[in-house]
Amino acid sequence: MNTSSSTFCAIPPGFRFHPTDEELVDYYLRKKVNSRRIDLDVIKDVDLYKIEPWDLQELCRIIGSEEEQSEWYFFSHKDKKYPTGTRTNRATTAGFWKATGRDKAIYTKNELIGMRKTLVFYKGRAPNGQKSDWIMHEYRLETDENAAPQASVFVCCFFVFNCF
């Protein structure tokens, strides 16, 4: 995956990137999964499981934005925990991402288009990890059994450092 900042265009003055859940799933993630061009390339590809949350900030910074960011967006491949299984591996070298609460359904015009999973980063190894202030929302397309297999490969993630 390319994480070089030179491949991303600079944004115009005053630009703020605050997409809704619906926009993230129906526009950005759907285009990414279908290998279609996204008009303004502000969401980068990152291997979530090789990078710690505190290192993602610089990689996912929107180039040209003078606004201090407390949120970051990126695309990542889903990494399976076991080759033949369905469970997702969410471990990094320093810790792991743990799901919290129920997945939230995302609709457009009364049609289910995706799901949002909220995860918290824990330092250390399960089950004894120490909860951190890093929160991630993982978005995935809603797929049926006839959908293309790549639909479940990519996720769009929204990342925030909760300093409260």
N, C-alpha and C. Protein backbone atom coordinates (compact mmCIF):
# COMPACT_ATOMS: atom_id res chain seq x y z
N MET A 1 0.84 -1.19 0.00
CA MET A 1 0.00 0.00 0.00
C MET A 1 0.87 1.24 0.00
N ASN A 2 0.47 2.21 -0.73
CA ASN A 2 1.26 3.42 -0.85
C ASN A 2 0.88 4.40 0.24
N THR A 3 1.85 4.78 1.03
CA THR A 3 1.59 5.78 2.07
C THR A 3 2.37 7.05 1.82
N SER A 4 2.89 7.19 0.62
CA SER A 4 3.68 8.37 0.27
C SER A 4 2.76 9.57 0.12
N SER A 5 3.12 10.66 0.75
CA SER A 5 2.28 11.86 0.69
C SER A 5 2.36 12.53 -0.68
N SER A 6 3.35 12.19 -1.50
CA SER A 6 3.50 12.85 -2.78
C SER A 6 2.40 12.46 -3.77
N THR A 7 1.67 11.38 -3.53
CA THR A 7 0.63 10.96 -4.44
C THR A 7 -0.71 11.61 -4.14
N PHE A 8 -0.80 12.41 -3.11
CA PHE A 8 -2.06 13.02 -2.73
C PHE A 8 -2.03 14.50 -3.04
N CYS A 9 -3.16 14.98 -3.58
CA CYS A 9 -3.21 16.38 -3.98
C CYS A 9 -3.39 17.27 -2.75
N ALA A 10 -2.91 18.50 -2.89
CA ALA A 10 -3.11 19.49 -1.84
C ALA A 10 -4.57 19.94 -1.90
N ILE A 11 -5.10 20.30 -0.78
CA ILE A 11 -6.50 20.70 -0.72
C ILE A 11 -6.62 22.22 -0.80
N PRO A 12 -7.76 22.72 -1.26
CA PRO A 12 -7.94 24.16 -1.35
C PRO A 12 -8.09 24.80 0.03
N PRO A 13 -7.75 26.08 0.15
CA PRO A 13 -7.90 26.77 1.44
C PRO A 13 -9.34 26.69 1.94
N GLY A 14 -9.48 26.50 3.24
CA GLY A 14 -10.80 26.44 3.85
C GLY A 14 -11.46 25.08 3.80
N PHE A 15 -10.83 24.12 3.14
CA PHE A 15 -11.41 22.78 3.03
C PHE A 15 -11.44 22.10 4.39
N ARG A 16 -12.57 21.50 4.73
CA ARG A 16 -12.71 20.71 5.94
C ARG A 16 -13.28 19.36 5.52
N PHE A 17 -12.71 18.30 6.00
CA PHE A 17 -13.18 16.96 5.63
C PHE A 17 -13.92 16.37 6.82
N HIS A 18 -15.25 16.44 6.77
CA HIS A 18 -16.09 15.92 7.84
C HIS A 18 -17.26 15.13 7.23
N PRO A 19 -16.95 13.99 6.58
CA PRO A 19 -18.02 13.22 5.93
C PRO A 19 -18.93 12.54 6.95
N THR A 20 -20.16 12.33 6.53
CA THR A 20 -21.11 11.58 7.36
C THR A 20 -20.82 10.09 7.20
N ASP A 21 -21.42 9.28 8.07
CA ASP A 21 -21.28 7.82 7.94
C ASP A 21 -21.76 7.37 6.56
N GLU A 22 -22.88 7.92 6.13
CA GLU A 22 -23.45 7.56 4.83
C GLU A 22 -22.48 7.91 3.69
N GLU A 23 -21.88 9.08 3.75
CA GLU A 23 -20.93 9.49 2.70
C GLU A 23 -19.68 8.60 2.70
N LEU A 24 -19.17 8.26 3.88
CA LEU A 24 -18.00 7.39 3.95
C LEU A 24 -18.26 6.04 3.30
N VAL A 25 -19.42 5.47 3.59
CA VAL A 25 -19.74 4.14 3.05
C VAL A 25 -20.16 4.21 1.60
N ASP A 26 -21.14 5.04 1.29
CA ASP A 26 -21.76 5.01 -0.04
C ASP A 26 -20.91 5.67 -1.12
N TYR A 27 -20.08 6.63 -0.77
CA TYR A 27 -19.23 7.28 -1.77
C TYR A 27 -17.80 6.75 -1.71
N TYR A 28 -17.12 6.99 -0.61
CA TYR A 28 -15.69 6.67 -0.53
C TYR A 28 -15.40 5.17 -0.52
N LEU A 29 -16.01 4.44 0.39
CA LEU A 29 -15.71 3.01 0.49
C LEU A 29 -16.21 2.24 -0.73
N ARG A 30 -17.40 2.57 -1.20
CA ARG A 30 -17.93 1.87 -2.38
C ARG A 30 -17.03 2.10 -3.59
N LYS A 31 -16.56 3.32 -3.79
CA LYS A 31 -15.65 3.59 -4.91
C LYS A 31 -14.33 2.84 -4.74
N LYS A 32 -13.80 2.81 -3.53
CA LYS A 32 -12.54 2.11 -3.26
C LYS A 32 -12.67 0.63 -3.58
N VAL A 33 -13.72 0.01 -3.09
CA VAL A 33 -13.94 -1.42 -3.31
C VAL A 33 -14.09 -1.74 -4.80
N ASN A 34 -14.72 -0.84 -5.54
CA ASN A 34 -14.94 -1.05 -6.97
C ASN A 34 -13.83 -0.49 -7.84
N SER A 35 -12.71 -0.10 -7.22
CA SER A 35 -11.53 0.44 -7.94
C SER A 35 -11.89 1.62 -8.83
N ARG A 36 -12.79 2.47 -8.33
CA ARG A 36 -13.16 3.68 -9.07
C ARG A 36 -12.47 4.89 -8.46
N ARG A 37 -12.21 5.87 -9.30
CA ARG A 37 -11.51 7.08 -8.87
C ARG A 37 -12.35 7.90 -7.90
N ILE A 38 -11.70 8.39 -6.85
CA ILE A 38 -12.34 9.29 -5.89
C ILE A 38 -11.88 10.70 -6.24
N ASP A 39 -12.83 11.62 -6.38
CA ASP A 39 -12.54 12.96 -6.89
C ASP A 39 -11.42 13.68 -6.14
N LEU A 40 -11.45 13.69 -4.84
CA LEU A 40 -10.41 14.33 -4.04
C LEU A 40 -9.80 13.25 -3.16
N ASP A 41 -8.55 12.95 -3.41
CA ASP A 41 -7.87 11.81 -2.79
C ASP A 41 -7.37 12.16 -1.39
N VAL A 42 -8.26 12.15 -0.41
CA VAL A 42 -7.88 12.55 0.95
C VAL A 42 -7.82 11.38 1.94
N ILE A 43 -8.26 10.20 1.52
CA ILE A 43 -8.20 9.03 2.39
C ILE A 43 -7.10 8.11 1.88
N LYS A 44 -6.11 7.87 2.72
CA LYS A 44 -4.95 7.09 2.31
C LYS A 44 -5.11 5.61 2.63
N ASP A 45 -4.32 4.79 1.93
CA ASP A 45 -4.24 3.35 2.21
C ASP A 45 -3.19 3.12 3.27
N VAL A 46 -3.55 2.41 4.32
CA VAL A 46 -2.63 2.14 5.43
C VAL A 46 -2.81 0.69 5.87
N ASP A 47 -1.72 0.03 6.21
CA ASP A 47 -1.83 -1.30 6.79
C ASP A 47 -2.01 -1.13 8.30
N LEU A 48 -3.24 -1.15 8.72
CA LEU A 48 -3.62 -0.87 10.11
C LEU A 48 -2.90 -1.75 11.11
N TYR A 49 -2.56 -2.96 10.72
CA TYR A 49 -2.02 -3.93 11.67
C TYR A 49 -0.50 -3.89 11.76
N LYS A 50 0.12 -3.01 11.00
CA LYS A 50 1.57 -2.85 11.08
C LYS A 50 1.96 -1.51 11.70
N ILE A 51 0.97 -0.69 12.02
CA ILE A 51 1.23 0.66 12.52
C ILE A 51 0.44 0.89 13.81
N GLU A 52 1.10 1.49 14.77
CA GLU A 52 0.44 1.81 16.05
C GLU A 52 -0.42 3.06 15.85
N PRO A 53 -1.48 3.21 16.65
CA PRO A 53 -2.38 4.36 16.45
C PRO A 53 -1.68 5.71 16.55
N TRP A 54 -0.71 5.84 17.44
CA TRP A 54 -0.02 7.13 17.60
C TRP A 54 0.89 7.44 16.41
N ASP A 55 1.20 6.46 15.57
CA ASP A 55 2.01 6.69 14.38
C ASP A 55 1.16 6.97 13.14
N LEU A 56 -0.13 6.72 13.22
CA LEU A 56 -1.02 6.93 12.08
C LEU A 56 -1.27 8.41 11.79
N GLN A 57 -1.14 9.24 12.80
CA GLN A 57 -1.48 10.66 12.66
C GLN A 57 -0.77 11.31 11.48
N GLU A 58 0.53 11.14 11.40
CA GLU A 58 1.30 11.79 10.34
C GLU A 58 0.99 11.17 8.98
N LEU A 59 0.81 9.86 8.94
CA LEU A 59 0.51 9.19 7.67
C LEU A 59 -0.83 9.61 7.09
N CYS A 60 -1.79 9.90 7.94
CA CYS A 60 -3.15 10.18 7.49
C CYS A 60 -3.51 11.66 7.52
N ARG A 61 -2.52 12.51 7.73
CA ARG A 61 -2.76 13.95 7.76
C ARG A 61 -3.15 14.43 6.36
N ILE A 62 -4.13 15.29 6.28
CA ILE A 62 -4.55 15.84 5.00
C ILE A 62 -3.56 16.92 4.60
N ILE A 63 -2.89 16.71 3.49
CA ILE A 63 -1.85 17.62 3.03
C ILE A 63 -2.45 18.97 2.67
N GLY A 64 -1.86 20.02 3.17
CA GLY A 64 -2.32 21.37 2.87
C GLY A 64 -3.30 21.90 3.90
N SER A 65 -3.80 21.04 4.75
CA SER A 65 -4.74 21.48 5.77
C SER A 65 -3.97 22.16 6.90
N GLU A 66 -4.37 23.37 7.21
CA GLU A 66 -3.72 24.09 8.30
C GLU A 66 -4.47 23.88 9.61
N GLU A 67 -5.62 23.25 9.52
CA GLU A 67 -6.43 22.97 10.70
C GLU A 67 -5.79 21.84 11.50
N GLU A 68 -5.73 21.99 12.81
CA GLU A 68 -5.22 20.92 13.68
C GLU A 68 -6.20 19.75 13.62
N GLN A 69 -5.69 18.59 13.29
CA GLN A 69 -6.55 17.42 13.14
C GLN A 69 -6.63 16.61 14.42
N SER A 70 -7.83 16.19 14.77
CA SER A 70 -8.02 15.24 15.87
C SER A 70 -8.71 13.99 15.34
N GLU A 71 -8.94 13.96 14.02
CA GLU A 71 -9.57 12.83 13.37
C GLU A 71 -8.75 12.49 12.13
N TRP A 72 -8.67 11.20 11.83
CA TRP A 72 -7.92 10.75 10.66
C TRP A 72 -8.74 9.67 9.97
N TYR A 73 -8.65 9.62 8.65
CA TYR A 73 -9.39 8.65 7.86
C TYR A 73 -8.41 7.84 7.03
N PHE A 74 -8.69 6.56 6.86
CA PHE A 74 -7.84 5.73 6.02
C PHE A 74 -8.59 4.49 5.56
N PHE A 75 -8.07 3.89 4.49
CA PHE A 75 -8.55 2.60 4.02
C PHE A 75 -7.56 1.55 4.48
N SER A 76 -8.06 0.39 4.81
CA SER A 76 -7.18 -0.71 5.20
C SER A 76 -7.78 -2.03 4.73
N HIS A 77 -6.91 -2.99 4.42
CA HIS A 77 -7.36 -4.34 4.13
C HIS A 77 -7.75 -5.00 5.45
N LYS A 78 -8.76 -5.82 5.41
CA LYS A 78 -9.09 -6.63 6.58
C LYS A 78 -8.12 -7.81 6.59
N ASP A 79 -7.56 -8.07 7.74
CA ASP A 79 -6.58 -9.13 7.91
C ASP A 79 -7.23 -10.25 8.72
N LYS A 80 -7.29 -11.44 8.15
CA LYS A 80 -7.92 -12.56 8.86
C LYS A 80 -7.00 -13.10 9.95
N LYS A 81 -7.61 -13.45 11.06
CA LYS A 81 -6.85 -14.01 12.18
C LYS A 81 -6.34 -15.41 11.83
N TYR A 82 -7.17 -16.18 11.15
CA TYR A 82 -6.80 -17.54 10.71
C TYR A 82 -7.09 -17.64 9.22
N PRO A 83 -6.23 -18.32 8.45
CA PRO A 83 -6.39 -18.37 6.99
C PRO A 83 -7.75 -18.85 6.51
N THR A 84 -8.35 -19.80 7.20
CA THR A 84 -9.64 -20.33 6.75
C THR A 84 -10.82 -19.79 7.55
N GLY A 85 -10.57 -18.90 8.48
CA GLY A 85 -11.63 -18.39 9.34
C GLY A 85 -12.21 -17.08 8.87
N THR A 86 -13.17 -16.58 9.64
CA THR A 86 -13.82 -15.31 9.31
C THR A 86 -13.46 -14.21 10.30
N ARG A 87 -12.80 -14.56 11.41
CA ARG A 87 -12.45 -13.56 12.42
C ARG A 87 -11.35 -12.64 11.91
N THR A 88 -11.46 -11.37 12.25
CA THR A 88 -10.49 -10.37 11.82
C THR A 88 -9.37 -10.23 12.84
N ASN A 89 -8.13 -10.17 12.35
CA ASN A 89 -6.98 -9.93 13.22
C ASN A 89 -6.85 -8.42 13.41
N ARG A 90 -6.92 -7.98 14.65
CA ARG A 90 -6.81 -6.55 14.93
C ARG A 90 -5.68 -6.27 15.90
N ALA A 91 -4.63 -7.08 15.86
CA ALA A 91 -3.49 -6.91 16.76
C ALA A 91 -2.36 -6.15 16.05
N THR A 92 -1.65 -5.33 16.81
CA THR A 92 -0.44 -4.67 16.34
C THR A 92 0.71 -5.17 17.22
N THR A 93 1.89 -4.65 17.01
CA THR A 93 3.02 -5.04 17.84
C THR A 93 2.81 -4.64 19.30
N ALA A 94 2.25 -3.45 19.52
CA ALA A 94 2.13 -2.91 20.88
C ALA A 94 0.80 -3.20 21.56
N GLY A 95 -0.19 -3.69 20.82
CA GLY A 95 -1.49 -3.89 21.44
C GLY A 95 -2.52 -4.48 20.49
N PHE A 96 -3.79 -4.17 20.76
CA PHE A 96 -4.87 -4.73 19.95
C PHE A 96 -6.09 -3.81 20.00
N TRP A 97 -6.90 -3.92 18.96
CA TRP A 97 -8.16 -3.20 18.88
C TRP A 97 -9.28 -4.13 19.34
N LYS A 98 -10.10 -3.64 20.26
CA LYS A 98 -11.20 -4.45 20.81
C LYS A 98 -12.53 -3.78 20.48
N ALA A 99 -13.44 -4.56 19.92
CA ALA A 99 -14.77 -4.05 19.59
C ALA A 99 -15.53 -3.72 20.87
N THR A 100 -16.31 -2.65 20.80
CA THR A 100 -17.11 -2.24 21.94
C THR A 100 -18.53 -1.94 21.45
N GLY A 101 -19.50 -2.45 22.13
CA GLY A 101 -20.90 -2.21 21.75
C GLY A 101 -21.30 -2.97 20.50
N ARG A 102 -22.49 -2.66 20.02
CA ARG A 102 -23.03 -3.31 18.83
C ARG A 102 -22.68 -2.51 17.59
N ASP A 103 -22.63 -3.20 16.47
CA ASP A 103 -22.42 -2.53 15.19
C ASP A 103 -23.63 -1.65 14.88
N LYS A 104 -23.36 -0.50 14.26
CA LYS A 104 -24.43 0.43 13.90
C LYS A 104 -24.73 0.30 12.41
N ALA A 105 -25.99 0.13 12.08
CA ALA A 105 -26.41 0.05 10.68
C ALA A 105 -26.38 1.44 10.05
N ILE A 106 -25.96 1.51 8.79
CA ILE A 106 -25.91 2.78 8.06
C ILE A 106 -26.85 2.65 6.86
N TYR A 107 -27.77 3.60 6.76
CA TYR A 107 -28.80 3.57 5.72
C TYR A 107 -28.70 4.78 4.81
N THR A 108 -29.15 4.59 3.57
CA THR A 108 -29.41 5.70 2.67
C THR A 108 -30.75 5.41 2.00
N LYS A 109 -31.65 6.36 2.06
CA LYS A 109 -32.99 6.20 1.50
C LYS A 109 -33.63 4.89 1.95
N ASN A 110 -33.56 4.61 3.23
CA ASN A 110 -34.15 3.41 3.85
C ASN A 110 -33.55 2.10 3.37
N GLU A 111 -32.39 2.15 2.73
CA GLU A 111 -31.70 0.94 2.28
C GLU A 111 -30.41 0.77 3.10
N LEU A 112 -30.22 -0.42 3.65
CA LEU A 112 -29.01 -0.72 4.41
C LEU A 112 -27.83 -0.77 3.45
N ILE A 113 -26.82 0.10 3.68
CA ILE A 113 -25.66 0.14 2.79
C ILE A 113 -24.36 -0.29 3.48
N GLY A 114 -24.34 -0.27 4.80
CA GLY A 114 -23.11 -0.63 5.49
C GLY A 114 -23.29 -0.71 6.98
N MET A 115 -22.17 -0.98 7.65
CA MET A 115 -22.16 -1.12 9.10
C MET A 115 -20.95 -0.37 9.65
N ARG A 116 -21.11 0.12 10.89
CA ARG A 116 -20.01 0.78 11.59
C ARG A 116 -19.74 0.04 12.89
N LYS A 117 -18.48 -0.36 13.07
CA LYS A 117 -18.05 -1.03 14.29
C LYS A 117 -17.13 -0.07 15.03
N THR A 118 -17.35 0.09 16.34
CA THR A 118 -16.50 0.95 17.16
C THR A 118 -15.51 0.08 17.92
N LEU A 119 -14.23 0.48 17.87
CA LEU A 119 -13.17 -0.27 18.53
C LEU A 119 -12.33 0.65 19.39
N VAL A 120 -11.77 0.12 20.47
CA VAL A 120 -10.88 0.85 21.37
C VAL A 120 -9.54 0.14 21.36
N PHE A 121 -8.44 0.91 21.36
CA PHE A 121 -7.10 0.31 21.37
C PHE A 121 -6.66 0.03 22.80
N TYR A 122 -6.16 -1.18 23.01
CA TYR A 122 -5.60 -1.61 24.30
C TYR A 122 -4.12 -1.89 24.12
N LYS A 123 -3.29 -1.36 25.01
CA LYS A 123 -1.85 -1.64 24.99
C LYS A 123 -1.61 -2.96 25.69
N GLY A 124 -0.71 -3.76 25.14
CA GLY A 124 -0.42 -5.07 25.73
C GLY A 124 -1.16 -6.17 24.99
N ARG A 125 -1.31 -7.30 25.63
CA ARG A 125 -1.95 -8.47 25.03
C ARG A 125 -3.24 -8.82 25.76
N ALA A 126 -4.21 -9.30 24.99
CA ALA A 126 -5.48 -9.74 25.57
C ALA A 126 -5.22 -10.96 26.45
N PRO A 127 -5.91 -11.13 27.53
CA PRO A 127 -7.01 -10.30 28.02
C PRO A 127 -6.56 -9.24 29.01
N ASN A 128 -5.25 -9.02 29.14
CA ASN A 128 -4.74 -8.12 30.18
C ASN A 128 -4.31 -6.75 29.66
N GLY A 129 -4.78 -6.35 28.50
CA GLY A 129 -4.37 -5.08 27.94
C GLY A 129 -4.88 -3.89 28.74
N GLN A 130 -4.16 -2.76 28.58
CA GLN A 130 -4.54 -1.52 29.25
C GLN A 130 -5.26 -0.62 28.26
N LYS A 131 -6.49 -0.23 28.58
CA LYS A 131 -7.31 0.59 27.70
C LYS A 131 -6.64 1.94 27.44
N SER A 132 -6.67 2.38 26.18
CA SER A 132 -6.09 3.67 25.82
C SER A 132 -7.21 4.64 25.43
N ASP A 133 -6.84 5.84 25.00
CA ASP A 133 -7.80 6.84 24.56
C ASP A 133 -7.99 6.84 23.05
N TRP A 134 -7.45 5.84 22.36
CA TRP A 134 -7.59 5.75 20.90
C TRP A 134 -8.87 4.99 20.55
N ILE A 135 -9.69 5.62 19.72
CA ILE A 135 -10.96 5.04 19.29
C ILE A 135 -10.97 4.99 17.76
N MET A 136 -11.51 3.91 17.22
CA MET A 136 -11.61 3.78 15.78
C MET A 136 -13.02 3.33 15.41
N HIS A 137 -13.54 3.91 14.34
CA HIS A 137 -14.81 3.46 13.77
C HIS A 137 -14.46 2.79 12.45
N GLU A 138 -14.82 1.53 12.33
CA GLU A 138 -14.51 0.74 11.14
C GLU A 138 -15.79 0.60 10.33
N TYR A 139 -15.75 1.05 9.08
CA TYR A 139 -16.92 1.00 8.21
C TYR A 139 -16.74 -0.12 7.19
N ARG A 140 -17.81 -0.85 6.95
CA ARG A 140 -17.77 -1.89 5.92
C ARG A 140 -19.07 -1.84 5.12
N LEU A 141 -18.98 -2.25 3.87
CA LEU A 141 -20.17 -2.32 3.03
C LEU A 141 -21.03 -3.49 3.47
N GLU A 142 -22.32 -3.32 3.35
CA GLU A 142 -23.24 -4.43 3.59
C GLU A 142 -23.24 -5.25 2.31
N THR A 143 -22.97 -6.52 2.43
CA THR A 143 -22.90 -7.38 1.24
C THR A 143 -23.86 -8.55 1.39
N ASP A 144 -24.25 -9.09 0.25
CA ASP A 144 -25.04 -10.31 0.28
C ASP A 144 -24.19 -11.44 -0.28
N GLU A 145 -24.75 -12.64 -0.27
CA GLU A 145 -23.96 -13.80 -0.70
C GLU A 145 -23.59 -13.75 -2.18
N ASN A 146 -24.26 -12.92 -2.98
CA ASN A 146 -23.96 -12.81 -4.41
C ASN A 146 -22.98 -11.68 -4.72
N ALA A 147 -22.53 -10.96 -3.68
CA ALA A 147 -21.65 -9.81 -3.88
C ALA A 147 -20.25 -10.27 -4.26
N ALA A 148 -19.52 -9.36 -4.89
CA ALA A 148 -18.13 -9.63 -5.25
C ALA A 148 -17.31 -9.85 -4.00
N PRO A 149 -16.35 -10.78 -4.02
CA PRO A 149 -15.58 -11.08 -2.81
C PRO A 149 -14.75 -9.90 -2.29
N GLN A 150 -14.37 -8.96 -3.17
CA GLN A 150 -13.54 -7.84 -2.70
C GLN A 150 -14.31 -6.88 -1.81
N ALA A 151 -15.64 -6.98 -1.79
CA ALA A 151 -16.45 -6.07 -0.97
C ALA A 151 -16.14 -6.19 0.51
N SER A 152 -15.68 -7.35 0.94
CA SER A 152 -15.37 -7.53 2.36
C SER A 152 -13.89 -7.36 2.66
N VAL A 153 -13.09 -7.05 1.65
CA VAL A 153 -11.64 -6.95 1.83
C VAL A 153 -11.24 -5.60 2.42
N PHE A 154 -11.85 -4.52 1.95
CA PHE A 154 -11.49 -3.18 2.40
C PHE A 154 -12.42 -2.68 3.48
N VAL A 155 -11.87 -1.90 4.39
CA VAL A 155 -12.67 -1.15 5.35
C VAL A 155 -12.19 0.29 5.32
N CYS A 156 -13.08 1.19 5.63
CA CYS A 156 -12.73 2.59 5.77
C CYS A 156 -12.77 2.88 7.26
N CYS A 157 -11.72 3.50 7.77
CA CYS A 157 -11.65 3.72 9.21
C CYS A 157 -11.55 5.20 9.53
N PHE A 158 -12.20 5.58 10.58
CA PHE A 158 -12.18 6.93 11.12
C PHE A 158 -11.57 6.80 12.50
N PHE A 159 -10.57 7.60 12.75
CA PHE A 159 -9.70 7.43 13.90
C PHE A 159 -9.73 8.69 14.74
N VAL A 160 -9.86 8.58 16.03
CA VAL A 160 -9.88 9.76 16.88
C VAL A 160 -9.14 9.48 18.18
N PHE A 161 -8.45 10.49 18.67
CA PHE A 161 -7.80 10.40 19.98
C PHE A 161 -8.71 11.12 20.95
N ASN A 162 -9.29 10.37 21.87
CA ASN A 162 -10.25 10.92 22.83
C ASN A 162 -9.48 11.48 24.02
N CYS A 163 -9.35 12.78 24.10
CA CYS A 163 -8.54 13.40 25.16
C CYS A 163 -9.38 13.84 26.35
N PHE A 164 -10.63 13.41 26.43
CA PHE A 164 -11.49 13.80 27.55
C PHE A 164 -11.44 12.79 28.65
